[in-house]
Amino acid sequence: GNLDLSKGLRKALEFQNKLTNVDKVSPQPSVGGEVVDLFA
């Protein structure tokens, strides 16, 4: 029941950050307010 978040977490953060802030193919996450479903 303990957390196992290490190398996989690092890879996930690096990948999603690349999509968002380097490739700019995914918008930044919404913070507060209503989340618009861009797919729909």
PDB file of all heavy atoms in Angstrom:
ATOM      1  N   GLY A   1       0.785  -1.225   0.000  1.00  0.00           N
ATOM      2  CA  GLY A   1       0.000   0.000   0.000  1.00  0.00           C
ATOM      3  C   GLY A   1       0.817   1.275   0.000  1.00  0.00           C
ATOM      4  O   GLY A   1       0.282   2.364   0.240  1.00  0.00           O
ATOM      5  N   ASN A   2       2.111   1.155  -0.293  1.00  0.00           N
ATOM      6  CA  ASN A   2       2.978   2.330  -0.343  1.00  0.00           C
ATOM      7  C   ASN A   2       3.160   2.799  -1.781  1.00  0.00           C
ATOM      8  O   ASN A   2       3.030   2.026  -2.727  1.00  0.00           O
ATOM      9  CB  ASN A   2       4.344   1.997   0.263  1.00  0.00           C
ATOM     10  CG  ASN A   2       4.246   1.620   1.728  1.00  0.00           C
ATOM     11  OD1 ASN A   2       3.575   2.302   2.502  1.00  0.00           O
ATOM     12  ND2 ASN A   2       4.894   0.533   2.108  1.00  0.00           N
ATOM     13  N   LEU A   3       3.492   4.074  -1.937  1.00  0.00           N
ATOM     14  CA  LEU A   3       3.685   4.640  -3.269  1.00  0.00           C
ATOM     15  C   LEU A   3       4.955   4.113  -3.918  1.00  0.00           C
ATOM     16  O   LEU A   3       5.983   3.967  -3.261  1.00  0.00           O
ATOM     17  CB  LEU A   3       3.753   6.168  -3.191  1.00  0.00           C
ATOM     18  CG  LEU A   3       2.468   6.898  -2.794  1.00  0.00           C
ATOM     19  CD1 LEU A   3       2.734   8.391  -2.674  1.00  0.00           C
ATOM     20  CD2 LEU A   3       1.355   6.637  -3.806  1.00  0.00           C
ATOM     21  N   ASP A   4       4.861   3.817  -5.197  1.00  0.00           N
ATOM     22  CA  ASP A   4       6.016   3.436  -6.006  1.00  0.00           C
ATOM     23  C   ASP A   4       6.035   4.381  -7.202  1.00  0.00           C
ATOM     24  O   ASP A   4       5.510   4.076  -8.262  1.00  0.00           O
ATOM     25  CB  ASP A   4       5.902   1.973  -6.451  1.00  0.00           C
ATOM     26  CG  ASP A   4       7.034   1.561  -7.389  1.00  0.00           C
ATOM     27  OD1 ASP A   4       8.055   2.288  -7.440  1.00  0.00           O
ATOM     28  OD2 ASP A   4       6.902   0.544  -8.085  1.00  0.00           O
ATOM     29  N   LEU A   5       6.592   5.553  -6.995  1.00  0.00           N
ATOM     30  CA  LEU A   5       6.637   6.598  -8.015  1.00  0.00           C
ATOM     31  C   LEU A   5       8.067   7.122  -8.103  1.00  0.00           C
ATOM     32  O   LEU A   5       8.513   7.841  -7.216  1.00  0.00           O
ATOM     33  CB  LEU A   5       5.687   7.754  -7.656  1.00  0.00           C
ATOM     34  CG  LEU A   5       4.202   7.413  -7.479  1.00  0.00           C
ATOM     35  CD1 LEU A   5       3.449   8.613  -6.926  1.00  0.00           C
ATOM     36  CD2 LEU A   5       3.601   6.982  -8.808  1.00  0.00           C
ATOM     37  N   SER A   6       8.777   6.763  -9.164  1.00  0.00           N
ATOM     38  CA  SER A   6      10.165   7.206  -9.279  1.00  0.00           C
ATOM     39  C   SER A   6      10.546   7.417 -10.744  1.00  0.00           C
ATOM     40  O   SER A   6      10.252   8.458 -11.326  1.00  0.00           O
ATOM     41  CB  SER A   6      11.098   6.189  -8.612  1.00  0.00           C
ATOM     42  OG  SER A   6      10.886   4.875  -9.135  1.00  0.00           O
ATOM     43  N   LYS A   7      11.179   6.422 -11.348  1.00  0.00           N
ATOM     44  CA  LYS A   7      11.638   6.558 -12.730  1.00  0.00           C
ATOM     45  C   LYS A   7      10.473   6.729 -13.703  1.00  0.00           C
ATOM     46  O   LYS A   7      10.549   7.512 -14.651  1.00  0.00           O
ATOM     47  CB  LYS A   7      12.481   5.340 -13.119  1.00  0.00           C
ATOM     48  CG  LYS A   7      13.797   5.232 -12.357  1.00  0.00           C
ATOM     49  CD  LYS A   7      14.587   4.008 -12.813  1.00  0.00           C
ATOM     50  CE  LYS A   7      15.904   3.918 -12.049  1.00  0.00           C
ATOM     51  NZ  LYS A   7      16.686   2.706 -12.463  1.00  0.00           N
ATOM     52  N   GLY A   8       9.417   5.987 -13.483  1.00  0.00           N
ATOM     53  CA  GLY A   8       8.245   6.105 -14.347  1.00  0.00           C
ATOM     54  C   GLY A   8       7.608   7.475 -14.232  1.00  0.00           C
ATOM     55  O   GLY A   8       7.163   8.052 -15.230  1.00  0.00           O
ATOM     56  N   LEU A   9       7.547   8.008 -13.014  1.00  0.00           N
ATOM     57  CA  LEU A   9       7.003   9.344 -12.803  1.00  0.00           C
ATOM     58  C   LEU A   9       7.839  10.381 -13.539  1.00  0.00           C
ATOM     59  O   LEU A   9       7.302  11.279 -14.198  1.00  0.00           O
ATOM     60  CB  LEU A   9       6.966   9.664 -11.308  1.00  0.00           C
ATOM     61  CG  LEU A   9       6.614  11.106 -10.931  1.00  0.00           C
ATOM     62  CD1 LEU A   9       5.254  11.508 -11.500  1.00  0.00           C
ATOM     63  CD2 LEU A   9       6.628  11.271  -9.408  1.00  0.00           C
ATOM     64  N   ARG A  10       9.158  10.251 -13.448  1.00  0.00           N
ATOM     65  CA  ARG A  10      10.045  11.189 -14.130  1.00  0.00           C
ATOM     66  C   ARG A  10       9.797  11.175 -15.642  1.00  0.00           C
ATOM     67  O   ARG A  10       9.679  12.222 -16.284  1.00  0.00           O
ATOM     68  CB  ARG A  10      11.500  10.856 -13.833  1.00  0.00           C
ATOM     69  CG  ARG A  10      12.506  11.842 -14.466  1.00  0.00           C
ATOM     70  CD  ARG A  10      13.937  11.372 -14.221  1.00  0.00           C
ATOM     71  NE  ARG A  10      14.224  11.313 -12.816  1.00  0.00           N
ATOM     72  CZ  ARG A  10      14.573  12.361 -12.067  1.00  0.00           C
ATOM     73  NH1 ARG A  10      14.652  13.566 -12.624  1.00  0.00           N
ATOM     74  NH2 ARG A  10      14.829  12.223 -10.782  1.00  0.00           N
ATOM     75  N   LYS A  11       9.698   9.971 -16.210  1.00  0.00           N
ATOM     76  CA  LYS A  11       9.489   9.853 -17.655  1.00  0.00           C
ATOM     77  C   LYS A  11       8.146  10.452 -18.074  1.00  0.00           C
ATOM     78  O   LYS A  11       8.043  11.118 -19.102  1.00  0.00           O
ATOM     79  CB  LYS A  11       9.563   8.388 -18.093  1.00  0.00           C
ATOM     80  CG  LYS A  11      10.950   7.777 -18.008  1.00  0.00           C
ATOM     81  CD  LYS A  11      10.990   6.376 -18.590  1.00  0.00           C
ATOM     82  CE  LYS A  11      10.825   6.391 -20.094  1.00  0.00           C
ATOM     83  NZ  LYS A  11      11.031   5.063 -20.694  1.00  0.00           N
ATOM     84  N   ALA A  12       7.116  10.224 -17.261  1.00  0.00           N
ATOM     85  CA  ALA A  12       5.792  10.742 -17.574  1.00  0.00           C
ATOM     86  C   ALA A  12       5.782  12.274 -17.529  1.00  0.00           C
ATOM     87  O   ALA A  12       5.198  12.929 -18.407  1.00  0.00           O
ATOM     88  CB  ALA A  12       4.752  10.182 -16.600  1.00  0.00           C
ATOM     89  N   LEU A  13       6.413  12.839 -16.514  1.00  0.00           N
ATOM     90  CA  LEU A  13       6.472  14.292 -16.391  1.00  0.00           C
ATOM     91  C   LEU A  13       7.266  14.904 -17.546  1.00  0.00           C
ATOM     92  O   LEU A  13       6.859  15.930 -18.116  1.00  0.00           O
ATOM     93  CB  LEU A  13       7.098  14.684 -15.055  1.00  0.00           C
ATOM     94  CG  LEU A  13       6.233  14.466 -13.799  1.00  0.00           C
ATOM     95  CD1 LEU A  13       7.063  14.652 -12.533  1.00  0.00           C
ATOM     96  CD2 LEU A  13       5.045  15.419 -13.796  1.00  0.00           C
ATOM     97  N   GLU A  14       8.374  14.284 -17.882  1.00  0.00           N
ATOM     98  CA  GLU A  14       9.197  14.792 -18.987  1.00  0.00           C
ATOM     99  C   GLU A  14       8.439  14.719 -20.309  1.00  0.00           C
ATOM    100  O   GLU A  14       8.488  15.655 -21.115  1.00  0.00           O
ATOM    101  CB  GLU A  14      10.503  13.997 -19.072  1.00  0.00           C
ATOM    102  CG  GLU A  14      11.455  14.255 -17.912  1.00  0.00           C
ATOM    103  CD  GLU A  14      12.692  13.368 -17.938  1.00  0.00           C
ATOM    104  OE1 GLU A  14      12.664  12.347 -18.678  1.00  0.00           O
ATOM    105  OE2 GLU A  14      13.664  13.655 -17.215  1.00  0.00           O
ATOM    106  N   PHE A  15       7.729  13.626 -20.521  1.00  0.00           N
ATOM    107  CA  PHE A  15       7.007  13.450 -21.780  1.00  0.00           C
ATOM    108  C   PHE A  15       5.861  14.454 -21.915  1.00  0.00           C
ATOM    109  O   PHE A  15       5.729  15.127 -22.954  1.00  0.00           O
ATOM    110  CB  PHE A  15       6.463  12.028 -21.874  1.00  0.00           C
ATOM    111  CG  PHE A  15       5.667  11.765 -23.119  1.00  0.00           C
ATOM    112  CD1 PHE A  15       6.288  11.718 -24.366  1.00  0.00           C
ATOM    113  CD2 PHE A  15       4.295  11.567 -23.069  1.00  0.00           C
ATOM    114  CE1 PHE A  15       5.555  11.479 -25.530  1.00  0.00           C
ATOM    115  CE2 PHE A  15       3.555  11.330 -24.222  1.00  0.00           C
ATOM    116  CZ  PHE A  15       4.193  11.292 -25.454  1.00  0.00           C
ATOM    117  N   GLN A  16       5.045  14.565 -20.872  1.00  0.00           N
ATOM    118  CA  GLN A  16       3.913  15.480 -20.966  1.00  0.00           C
ATOM    119  C   GLN A  16       4.384  16.932 -21.028  1.00  0.00           C
ATOM    120  O   GLN A  16       3.772  17.763 -21.719  1.00  0.00           O
ATOM    121  CB  GLN A  16       2.958  15.288 -19.775  1.00  0.00           C
ATOM    122  CG  GLN A  16       1.647  16.027 -19.914  1.00  0.00           C
ATOM    123  CD  GLN A  16       0.830  15.592 -21.121  1.00  0.00           C
ATOM    124  OE1 GLN A  16       0.836  14.423 -21.501  1.00  0.00           O
ATOM    125  NE2 GLN A  16       0.119  16.525 -21.739  1.00  0.00           N
ATOM    126  N   ASN A  17       5.485  17.244 -20.362  1.00  0.00           N
ATOM    127  CA  ASN A  17       6.041  18.598 -20.431  1.00  0.00           C
ATOM    128  C   ASN A  17       6.523  18.909 -21.851  1.00  0.00           C
ATOM    129  O   ASN A  17       6.366  20.031 -22.340  1.00  0.00           O
ATOM    130  CB  ASN A  17       7.184  18.756 -19.438  1.00  0.00           C
ATOM    131  CG  ASN A  17       7.696  20.186 -19.369  1.00  0.00           C
ATOM    132  OD1 ASN A  17       6.969  21.107 -19.015  1.00  0.00           O
ATOM    133  ND2 ASN A  17       8.957  20.386 -19.731  1.00  0.00           N
ATOM    134  N   LYS A  18       7.082  17.904 -22.507  1.00  0.00           N
ATOM    135  CA  LYS A  18       7.539  18.090 -23.887  1.00  0.00           C
ATOM    136  C   LYS A  18       6.355  18.364 -24.814  1.00  0.00           C
ATOM    137  O   LYS A  18       6.399  19.261 -25.659  1.00  0.00           O
ATOM    138  CB  LYS A  18       8.313  16.867 -24.363  1.00  0.00           C
ATOM    139  CG  LYS A  18       8.996  17.035 -25.724  1.00  0.00           C
ATOM    140  CD  LYS A  18       9.916  15.842 -26.016  1.00  0.00           C
ATOM    141  CE  LYS A  18      10.724  16.089 -27.296  1.00  0.00           C
ATOM    142  NZ  LYS A  18       9.919  16.141 -28.497  1.00  0.00           N
ATOM    143  N   LEU A  19       5.279  17.588 -24.648  1.00  0.00           N
ATOM    144  CA  LEU A  19       4.083  17.799 -25.459  1.00  0.00           C
ATOM    145  C   LEU A  19       3.521  19.205 -25.252  1.00  0.00           C
ATOM    146  O   LEU A  19       3.086  19.859 -26.207  1.00  0.00           O
ATOM    147  CB  LEU A  19       3.007  16.774 -25.094  1.00  0.00           C
ATOM    148  CG  LEU A  19       3.255  15.297 -25.397  1.00  0.00           C
ATOM    149  CD1 LEU A  19       2.094  14.460 -24.876  1.00  0.00           C
ATOM    150  CD2 LEU A  19       3.457  15.062 -26.884  1.00  0.00           C
ATOM    151  N   THR A  20       3.547  19.652 -23.993  1.00  0.00           N
ATOM    152  CA  THR A  20       2.906  20.917 -23.634  1.00  0.00           C
ATOM    153  C   THR A  20       3.775  22.139 -23.928  1.00  0.00           C
ATOM    154  O   THR A  20       3.308  23.107 -24.553  1.00  0.00           O
ATOM    155  CB  THR A  20       2.526  20.915 -22.139  1.00  0.00           C
ATOM    156  OG1 THR A  20       1.685  19.783 -21.868  1.00  0.00           O
ATOM    157  CG2 THR A  20       1.789  22.195 -21.757  1.00  0.00           C
ATOM    158  N   ASN A  21       5.017  22.088 -23.513  1.00  0.00           N
ATOM    159  CA  ASN A  21       5.849  23.301 -23.539  1.00  0.00           C
ATOM    160  C   ASN A  21       6.962  23.315 -24.580  1.00  0.00           C
ATOM    161  O   ASN A  21       7.557  24.370 -24.818  1.00  0.00           O
ATOM    162  CB  ASN A  21       6.448  23.524 -22.147  1.00  0.00           C
ATOM    163  CG  ASN A  21       5.381  23.805 -21.098  1.00  0.00           C
ATOM    164  OD1 ASN A  21       4.501  24.630 -21.307  1.00  0.00           O
ATOM    165  ND2 ASN A  21       5.443  23.082 -19.979  1.00  0.00           N
ATOM    166  N   VAL A  22       7.245  22.170 -25.199  1.00  0.00           N
ATOM    167  CA  VAL A  22       8.276  22.127 -26.235  1.00  0.00           C
ATOM    168  C   VAL A  22       7.623  21.957 -27.611  1.00  0.00           C
ATOM    169  O   VAL A  22       7.722  22.814 -28.488  1.00  0.00           O
ATOM    170  CB  VAL A  22       9.292  20.996 -25.971  1.00  0.00           C
ATOM    171  CG1 VAL A  22      10.346  20.979 -27.090  1.00  0.00           C
ATOM    172  CG2 VAL A  22       9.961  21.181 -24.609  1.00  0.00           C
ATOM    173  N   ASP A  23       6.905  20.839 -27.780  1.00  0.00           N
ATOM    174  CA  ASP A  23       6.209  20.613 -29.044  1.00  0.00           C
ATOM    175  C   ASP A  23       5.005  21.540 -29.200  1.00  0.00           C
ATOM    176  O   ASP A  23       4.609  21.865 -30.328  1.00  0.00           O
ATOM    177  CB  ASP A  23       5.715  19.160 -29.130  1.00  0.00           C
ATOM    178  CG  ASP A  23       6.840  18.148 -29.093  1.00  0.00           C
ATOM    179  OD1 ASP A  23       7.982  18.518 -29.435  1.00  0.00           O
ATOM    180  OD2 ASP A  23       6.582  16.981 -28.725  1.00  0.00           O
ATOM    181  N   LYS A  24       4.428  21.906 -28.062  1.00  0.00           N
ATOM    182  CA  LYS A  24       3.224  22.760 -28.031  1.00  0.00           C
ATOM    183  C   LYS A  24       2.083  22.157 -28.856  1.00  0.00           C
ATOM    184  O   LYS A  24       1.417  22.836 -29.648  1.00  0.00           O
ATOM    185  CB  LYS A  24       3.555  24.177 -28.516  1.00  0.00           C
ATOM    186  CG  LYS A  24       4.581  24.896 -27.643  1.00  0.00           C
ATOM    187  CD  LYS A  24       4.782  26.328 -28.064  1.00  0.00           C
ATOM    188  CE  LYS A  24       5.871  27.026 -27.250  1.00  0.00           C
ATOM    189  NZ  LYS A  24       5.586  27.047 -25.816  1.00  0.00           N
ATOM    190  N   VAL A  25       1.872  20.855 -28.649  1.00  0.00           N
ATOM    191  CA  VAL A  25       0.776  20.164 -29.325  1.00  0.00           C
ATOM    192  C   VAL A  25      -0.368  19.850 -28.370  1.00  0.00           C
ATOM    193  O   VAL A  25      -1.387  19.275 -28.759  1.00  0.00           O
ATOM    194  CB  VAL A  25       1.286  18.857 -29.984  1.00  0.00           C
ATOM    195  CG1 VAL A  25       2.291  19.174 -31.074  1.00  0.00           C
ATOM    196  CG2 VAL A  25       1.887  17.913 -28.944  1.00  0.00           C
ATOM    197  N   SER A  26      -0.190  20.214 -27.103  1.00  0.00           N
ATOM    198  CA  SER A  26      -1.196  19.995 -26.066  1.00  0.00           C
ATOM    199  C   SER A  26      -1.233  21.246 -25.195  1.00  0.00           C
ATOM    200  O   SER A  26      -0.182  21.761 -24.812  1.00  0.00           O
ATOM    201  CB  SER A  26      -0.840  18.764 -25.217  1.00  0.00           C
ATOM    202  OG  SER A  26      -1.779  18.568 -24.177  1.00  0.00           O
ATOM    203  N   PRO A  27      -2.406  21.778 -24.892  1.00  0.00           N
ATOM    204  CA  PRO A  27      -2.481  23.000 -24.087  1.00  0.00           C
ATOM    205  C   PRO A  27      -2.071  22.769 -22.641  1.00  0.00           C
ATOM    206  O   PRO A  27      -2.025  21.629 -22.172  1.00  0.00           O
ATOM    207  CB  PRO A  27      -3.954  23.397 -24.191  1.00  0.00           C
ATOM    208  CG  PRO A  27      -4.669  22.106 -24.408  1.00  0.00           C
ATOM    209  CD  PRO A  27      -3.743  21.277 -25.264  1.00  0.00           C
ATOM    210  N   GLN A  28      -1.784  23.843 -21.938  1.00  0.00           N
ATOM    211  CA  GLN A  28      -1.466  23.728 -20.524  1.00  0.00           C
ATOM    212  C   GLN A  28      -2.721  23.336 -19.750  1.00  0.00           C
ATOM    213  O   GLN A  28      -3.847  23.611 -20.179  1.00  0.00           O
ATOM    214  CB  GLN A  28      -0.913  25.048 -20.002  1.00  0.00           C
ATOM    215  CG  GLN A  28       0.479  25.366 -20.524  1.00  0.00           C
ATOM    216  CD  GLN A  28       1.126  26.522 -19.791  1.00  0.00           C
ATOM    217  OE1 GLN A  28       0.439  27.406 -19.288  1.00  0.00           O
ATOM    218  NE2 GLN A  28       2.447  26.519 -19.738  1.00  0.00           N
ATOM    219  N   PRO A  29      -2.538  22.672 -18.614  1.00  0.00           N
ATOM    220  CA  PRO A  29      -3.702  22.230 -17.834  1.00  0.00           C
ATOM    221  C   PRO A  29      -4.503  23.410 -17.309  1.00  0.00           C
ATOM    222  O   PRO A  29      -3.956  24.476 -17.022  1.00  0.00           O
ATOM    223  CB  PRO A  29      -3.072  21.420 -16.693  1.00  0.00           C
ATOM    224  CG  PRO A  29      -1.678  21.965 -16.569  1.00  0.00           C
ATOM    225  CD  PRO A  29      -1.264  22.296 -17.971  1.00  0.00           C
ATOM    226  N   SER A  30      -5.795  23.193 -17.196  1.00  0.00           N
ATOM    227  CA  SER A  30      -6.678  24.226 -16.654  1.00  0.00           C
ATOM    228  C   SER A  30      -6.524  24.267 -15.139  1.00  0.00           C
ATOM    229  O   SER A  30      -6.457  23.229 -14.482  1.00  0.00           O
ATOM    230  CB  SER A  30      -8.129  23.926 -17.019  1.00  0.00           C
ATOM    231  OG  SER A  30      -9.008  24.844 -16.411  1.00  0.00           O
ATOM    232  N   VAL A  31      -6.453  25.465 -14.605  1.00  0.00           N
ATOM    233  CA  VAL A  31      -6.338  25.638 -13.155  1.00  0.00           C
ATOM    234  C   VAL A  31      -7.536  26.434 -12.670  1.00  0.00           C
ATOM    235  O   VAL A  31      -7.647  27.634 -12.903  1.00  0.00           O
ATOM    236  CB  VAL A  31      -5.032  26.373 -12.775  1.00  0.00           C
ATOM    237  CG1 VAL A  31      -4.959  26.535 -11.256  1.00  0.00           C
ATOM    238  CG2 VAL A  31      -3.823  25.623 -13.295  1.00  0.00           C
ATOM    239  N   GLY A  32      -8.466  25.747 -12.018  1.00  0.00           N
ATOM    240  CA  GLY A  32      -9.674  26.411 -11.546  1.00  0.00           C
ATOM    241  C   GLY A  32     -10.632  26.705 -12.684  1.00  0.00           C
ATOM    242  O   GLY A  32     -10.280  26.675 -13.855  1.00  0.00           O
ATOM    243  N   GLY A  33     -11.872  26.981 -12.338  1.00  0.00           N
ATOM    244  CA  GLY A  33     -12.862  27.302 -13.356  1.00  0.00           C
ATOM    245  C   GLY A  33     -13.331  26.078 -14.126  1.00  0.00           C
ATOM    246  O   GLY A  33     -12.942  24.948 -13.860  1.00  0.00           O
ATOM    247  N   GLU A  34     -14.137  26.309 -15.126  1.00  0.00           N
ATOM    248  CA  GLU A  34     -14.716  25.225 -15.921  1.00  0.00           C
ATOM    249  C   GLU A  34     -13.710  24.713 -16.946  1.00  0.00           C
ATOM    250  O   GLU A  34     -13.042  25.491 -17.630  1.00  0.00           O
ATOM    251  CB  GLU A  34     -15.968  25.712 -16.633  1.00  0.00           C
ATOM    252  CG  GLU A  34     -16.703  24.623 -17.402  1.00  0.00           C
ATOM    253  CD  GLU A  34     -17.982  25.142 -18.036  1.00  0.00           C
ATOM    254  OE1 GLU A  34     -18.339  26.304 -17.752  1.00  0.00           O
ATOM    255  OE2 GLU A  34     -18.598  24.390 -18.799  1.00  0.00           O
ATOM    256  N   VAL A  35     -13.576  23.403 -17.042  1.00  0.00           N
ATOM    257  CA  VAL A  35     -12.672  22.786 -18.003  1.00  0.00           C
ATOM    258  C   VAL A  35     -13.438  22.526 -19.293  1.00  0.00           C
ATOM    259  O   VAL A  35     -14.454  21.834 -19.306  1.00  0.00           O
ATOM    260  CB  VAL A  35     -12.098  21.461 -17.458  1.00  0.00           C
ATOM    261  CG1 VAL A  35     -11.196  20.822 -18.499  1.00  0.00           C
ATOM    262  CG2 VAL A  35     -11.322  21.706 -16.167  1.00  0.00           C
ATOM    263  N   VAL A  36     -12.949  23.092 -20.399  1.00  0.00           N
ATOM    264  CA  VAL A  36     -13.589  22.903 -21.690  1.00  0.00           C
ATOM    265  C   VAL A  36     -13.103  21.596 -22.307  1.00  0.00           C
ATOM    266  O   VAL A  36     -11.896  21.331 -22.351  1.00  0.00           O
ATOM    267  CB  VAL A  36     -13.275  24.080 -22.635  1.00  0.00           C
ATOM    268  CG1 VAL A  36     -13.886  23.832 -24.010  1.00  0.00           C
ATOM    269  CG2 VAL A  36     -13.796  25.391 -22.044  1.00  0.00           C
ATOM    270  N   ASP A  37     -14.023  20.758 -22.748  1.00  0.00           N
ATOM    271  CA  ASP A  37     -13.663  19.503 -23.397  1.00  0.00           C
ATOM    272  C   ASP A  37     -13.339  19.810 -24.861  1.00  0.00           C
ATOM    273  O   ASP A  37     -14.227  19.905 -25.706  1.00  0.00           O
ATOM    274  CB  ASP A  37     -14.827  18.506 -23.299  1.00  0.00           C
ATOM    275  CG  ASP A  37     -14.453  17.105 -23.769  1.00  0.00           C
ATOM    276  OD1 ASP A  37     -13.569  16.997 -24.640  1.00  0.00           O
ATOM    277  OD2 ASP A  37     -15.053  16.140 -23.269  1.00  0.00           O
ATOM    278  N   LEU A  38     -12.055  19.983 -25.151  1.00  0.00           N
ATOM    279  CA  LEU A  38     -11.632  20.365 -26.494  1.00  0.00           C
ATOM    280  C   LEU A  38     -11.908  19.271 -27.520  1.00  0.00           C
ATOM    281  O   LEU A  38     -12.156  19.557 -28.689  1.00  0.00           O
ATOM    282  CB  LEU A  38     -10.136  20.712 -26.493  1.00  0.00           C
ATOM    283  CG  LEU A  38      -9.739  21.942 -25.675  1.00  0.00           C
ATOM    284  CD1 LEU A  38      -8.223  22.123 -25.707  1.00  0.00           C
ATOM    285  CD2 LEU A  38     -10.427  23.186 -26.197  1.00  0.00           C
ATOM    286  N   PHE A  39     -11.876  18.017 -27.084  1.00  0.00           N
ATOM    287  CA  PHE A  39     -12.154  16.922 -28.006  1.00  0.00           C
ATOM    288  C   PHE A  39     -13.617  16.964 -28.441  1.00  0.00           C
ATOM    289  O   PHE A  39     -13.929  16.918 -29.634  1.00  0.00           O
ATOM    290  CB  PHE A  39     -11.828  15.577 -27.362  1.00  0.00           C
ATOM    291  CG  PHE A  39     -12.059  14.398 -28.274  1.00  0.00           C
ATOM    292  CD1 PHE A  39     -11.162  14.113 -29.290  1.00  0.00           C
ATOM    293  CD2 PHE A  39     -13.173  13.591 -28.125  1.00  0.00           C
ATOM    294  CE1 PHE A  39     -11.367  13.028 -30.150  1.00  0.00           C
ATOM    295  CE2 PHE A  39     -13.396  12.505 -28.972  1.00  0.00           C
ATOM    296  CZ  PHE A  39     -12.488  12.231 -29.985  1.00  0.00           C
ATOM    297  N   ALA A  40     -14.523  17.063 -27.486  1.00  0.00           N
ATOM    298  CA  ALA A  40     -15.948  17.117 -27.802  1.00  0.00           C
ATOM    299  C   ALA A  40     -16.284  18.356 -28.624  1.00  0.00           C
ATOM    300  O   ALA A  40     -17.180  18.318 -29.480  1.00  0.00           O
ATOM    301  CB  ALA A  40     -16.779  17.106 -26.524  1.00  0.00           C
TER     302      ALA A  40
END
